[in-house]
């Protein structure tokens, strides 16, 4: 067995400043492609939502998925703490949703201007044209550094036509089918 050297690794602890360390680590994390989802609901009759690229399936029994939310988010508490305890609409954004993802991630623009939304049960909102919809409720949360790790229980789902939107190296792309033969 051959073992390669790990020389050249960038130390997180030895960076000249926090901003430099965060940028380098963000670049390393960005090498892993991920899907992009939105979590949206009606809160007091108005749409509220956000985009997330930290999403993964966790369990089939019970049906659970996981998202990570920045602790500084002002949107997540509105979604989580709704008085009606309703559902969240998690949309796996489709290949044509790069603009939608940017819009839902915006801190200043109207996140829902011009977006086609579909109402679900319990206040859940879904993005039209998504690759999949998951109707969820918050199961639990735990601290994860500068983020909150949120476990969501899936109550209903629907798989739709388009392929997924992919986030990789700070850019959006799509999945191209490959023939293996």
Protein backbone atom coordinates (compact mmCIF):
# COMPACT_ATOMS: atom_id res chain seq x y z
CA UNK A 1 0.00 0.00 0.00
CA UNK A 2 1.25 3.47 -0.89
CA UNK A 3 0.64 6.46 1.37
CA UNK A 4 0.87 10.03 0.07
CA UNK A 5 2.15 12.89 2.20
CA UNK A 6 -0.31 15.43 3.61
CA UNK A 7 2.26 18.24 3.32
CA UNK A 8 0.73 21.49 2.19
CA UNK A 9 -2.38 21.32 4.38
CA UNK A 10 -3.52 24.77 5.53
CA UNK A 11 -3.77 24.99 9.31
CA UNK A 12 -7.01 26.49 10.56
CA UNK A 13 -5.34 27.56 13.81
CA UNK A 14 -2.28 29.24 12.24
CA UNK A 15 -4.01 31.61 9.81
CA UNK A 16 -2.89 35.24 10.06
CA UNK A 17 -6.44 36.38 10.90
CA UNK A 18 -9.98 34.99 11.22
CA UNK A 19 -11.14 36.36 7.86
CA UNK A 20 -8.29 34.62 6.03
CA UNK A 21 -8.95 31.37 7.88
CA UNK A 22 -12.69 31.50 7.13
CA UNK A 23 -12.16 32.24 3.43
CA UNK A 24 -9.69 29.35 3.03
CA UNK A 25 -11.94 26.92 4.90
CA UNK A 26 -15.00 28.08 2.94
CA UNK A 27 -13.06 27.35 -0.29
CA UNK A 28 -12.24 23.86 1.00
CA UNK A 29 -15.87 23.19 1.99
CA UNK A 30 -16.97 24.50 -1.43
CA UNK A 31 -15.17 21.63 -3.17
CA UNK A 32 -18.04 19.37 -2.11
CA UNK A 33 -21.02 19.87 -4.43
CA UNK A 34 -24.39 20.13 -2.74
CA UNK A 35 -27.99 20.56 -3.72
CA UNK A 36 -29.82 23.76 -2.92
CA UNK A 37 -33.11 23.87 -1.05
CA UNK A 38 -35.51 26.52 0.12
CA UNK A 39 -37.51 26.43 3.34
CA UNK A 40 -40.65 28.54 3.08
CA UNK A 41 -43.96 29.04 4.87
CA UNK A 42 -46.72 31.56 5.27
CA UNK A 43 -46.24 33.53 8.47
CA UNK A 44 -49.20 35.74 9.39
CA UNK A 45 -50.37 35.39 5.79
CA UNK A 46 -47.11 36.54 4.17
CA UNK A 47 -44.44 34.34 2.56
CA UNK A 48 -41.24 33.89 4.56
CA UNK A 49 -38.34 31.78 3.42
CA UNK A 50 -34.68 31.23 2.78
CA UNK A 51 -32.26 29.27 0.61
CA UNK A 52 -29.87 26.69 2.05
CA UNK A 53 -27.10 24.55 0.58
CA UNK A 54 -26.46 22.54 3.75
CA UNK A 55 -29.10 19.81 3.38
CA UNK A 56 -29.00 16.05 3.63
CA UNK A 57 -31.27 13.09 4.11
CA UNK A 58 -30.90 11.46 7.53
CA UNK A 59 -33.39 8.63 8.01
CA UNK A 60 -36.22 6.77 6.28
CA UNK A 61 -37.79 5.54 9.52
CA UNK A 62 -38.69 7.99 10.86
CA UNK A 63 -38.40 10.19 7.75
CA UNK A 64 -35.89 12.92 8.62
CA UNK A 65 -33.76 15.47 6.79
CA UNK A 66 -31.21 17.94 8.12
CA UNK A 67 -30.49 21.58 7.29
CA UNK A 68 -27.96 24.00 8.75
CA UNK A 69 -28.93 27.60 9.38
CA UNK A 70 -26.64 30.54 10.16
CA UNK A 71 -27.15 31.65 13.78
CA UNK A 72 -27.28 35.26 12.53
CA UNK A 73 -30.33 34.52 10.35
CA UNK A 74 -33.33 36.71 11.11
CA UNK A 75 -35.53 34.52 8.90
CA UNK A 76 -35.09 31.16 10.65
CA UNK A 77 -36.71 32.26 13.95
CA UNK A 78 -39.77 33.47 12.01
CA UNK A 79 -40.12 30.08 10.31
CA UNK A 80 -39.39 28.05 13.44
CA UNK A 81 -41.47 30.04 15.94
CA UNK A 82 -44.73 30.43 14.05
CA UNK A 83 -47.65 30.62 16.45
CA UNK A 84 -49.59 27.98 14.50
CA UNK A 85 -46.76 25.43 14.78
CA UNK A 86 -47.38 24.70 11.11
CA UNK A 87 -45.35 23.04 8.43
CA UNK A 88 -42.38 24.16 6.35
CA UNK A 89 -42.22 23.64 2.61
CA UNK A 90 -38.74 22.42 1.67
CA UNK A 91 -38.20 22.64 -2.08
CA UNK A 92 -35.23 20.94 -3.70
CA UNK A 93 -34.52 23.69 -6.20
CA UNK A 94 -34.49 22.69 -9.86
CA UNK A 95 -31.88 23.25 -12.53
CA UNK A 96 -33.49 26.53 -13.67
CA UNK A 97 -33.58 28.03 -10.16
CA UNK A 98 -30.15 29.72 -9.90
CA UNK A 99 -31.81 33.16 -9.86
CA UNK A 100 -34.41 31.90 -7.36
CA UNK A 101 -31.67 30.62 -5.04
CA UNK A 102 -29.90 34.00 -5.12
CA UNK A 103 -33.16 35.82 -4.54
CA UNK A 104 -34.14 33.63 -1.56
CA UNK A 105 -30.65 34.10 -0.09
CA UNK A 106 -30.79 37.90 -0.41
CA UNK A 107 -30.66 39.95 2.76
CA UNK A 108 -32.06 43.10 1.14
CA UNK A 109 -34.33 42.34 -1.85
CA UNK A 110 -37.93 41.12 -1.79
CA UNK A 111 -37.25 37.39 -1.70
CA UNK A 112 -40.59 36.49 -3.26
CA UNK A 113 -40.98 39.11 -6.02
CA UNK A 114 -42.00 37.30 -9.20
CA UNK A 115 -41.65 33.79 -7.72
CA UNK A 116 -44.32 31.21 -8.47
CA UNK A 117 -45.27 29.53 -5.19
CA UNK A 118 -47.53 26.60 -4.37
CA UNK A 119 -49.40 26.43 -1.04
CA UNK A 120 -49.18 23.21 0.95
CA UNK A 121 -50.73 22.00 4.20
CA UNK A 122 -50.23 23.86 7.46
CA UNK A 123 -48.79 26.99 5.84
CA UNK A 124 -46.03 25.21 3.91
CA UNK A 125 -44.95 27.01 0.74
CA UNK A 126 -43.21 25.33 -2.18
CA UNK A 127 -41.30 26.80 -5.12
CA UNK A 128 -42.95 25.92 -8.42
CA UNK A 129 -40.67 24.03 -10.80
CA UNK A 130 -38.61 22.43 -8.01
CA UNK A 131 -37.11 18.94 -8.35
CA UNK A 132 -38.88 17.75 -5.18
CA UNK A 133 -41.08 19.02 -2.38
CA UNK A 134 -40.89 17.94 1.25
CA UNK A 135 -43.54 19.01 3.75
CA UNK A 136 -41.76 19.15 7.12
CA UNK A 137 -41.95 20.16 10.76
CA UNK A 138 -39.10 20.96 13.12
CA UNK A 139 -38.09 17.85 15.07
CA UNK A 140 -35.10 19.27 16.97
CA UNK A 141 -32.20 21.70 16.86
CA UNK A 142 -28.66 21.56 18.17
CA UNK A 143 -25.81 24.07 18.19
CA UNK A 144 -23.21 23.71 15.47
CA UNK A 145 -20.66 26.50 15.86
CA UNK A 146 -21.85 29.57 13.98
CA UNK A 147 -24.83 27.56 12.67
CA UNK A 148 -27.82 25.71 14.08
CA UNK A 149 -28.25 22.10 12.94
CA UNK A 150 -31.97 21.53 12.37
CA UNK A 151 -33.57 18.10 12.10
CA UNK A 152 -36.82 18.18 10.13
CA UNK A 153 -39.48 15.45 10.09
CA UNK A 154 -40.91 14.79 6.62
CA UNK A 155 -44.71 14.41 6.61
CA UNK A 156 -45.32 14.32 2.85
CA UNK A 157 -43.29 14.56 -0.34
CA UNK A 158 -43.52 14.80 -4.11
CA UNK A 159 -40.87 14.17 -6.75
CA UNK A 160 -41.15 16.44 -9.79
CA UNK A 161 -39.59 16.61 -13.27
CA UNK A 162 -36.53 18.87 -13.39
CA UNK A 163 -33.07 17.84 -12.32
CA UNK A 164 -31.59 19.49 -9.23
CA UNK A 165 -29.65 22.73 -8.96
CA UNK A 166 -26.11 22.12 -7.66
CA UNK A 167 -23.88 24.52 -5.71
CA UNK A 168 -20.15 23.91 -6.13
CA UNK A 169 -17.14 26.21 -5.64
CA UNK A 170 -19.47 29.18 -5.02
CA UNK A 171 -21.29 28.77 -8.34
CA UNK A 172 -24.51 27.12 -9.47
CA UNK A 173 -24.59 24.32 -12.02
CA UNK A 174 -26.65 21.30 -13.00
CA UNK A 175 -26.13 17.58 -13.10
CA UNK A 176 -25.40 16.23 -16.58
CA UNK A 177 -26.28 12.58 -17.19
CA UNK A 178 -23.29 10.41 -18.05
CA UNK A 179 -23.50 7.23 -20.06
CA UNK A 180 -21.34 4.47 -18.68
CA UNK A 181 -20.69 1.69 -21.00
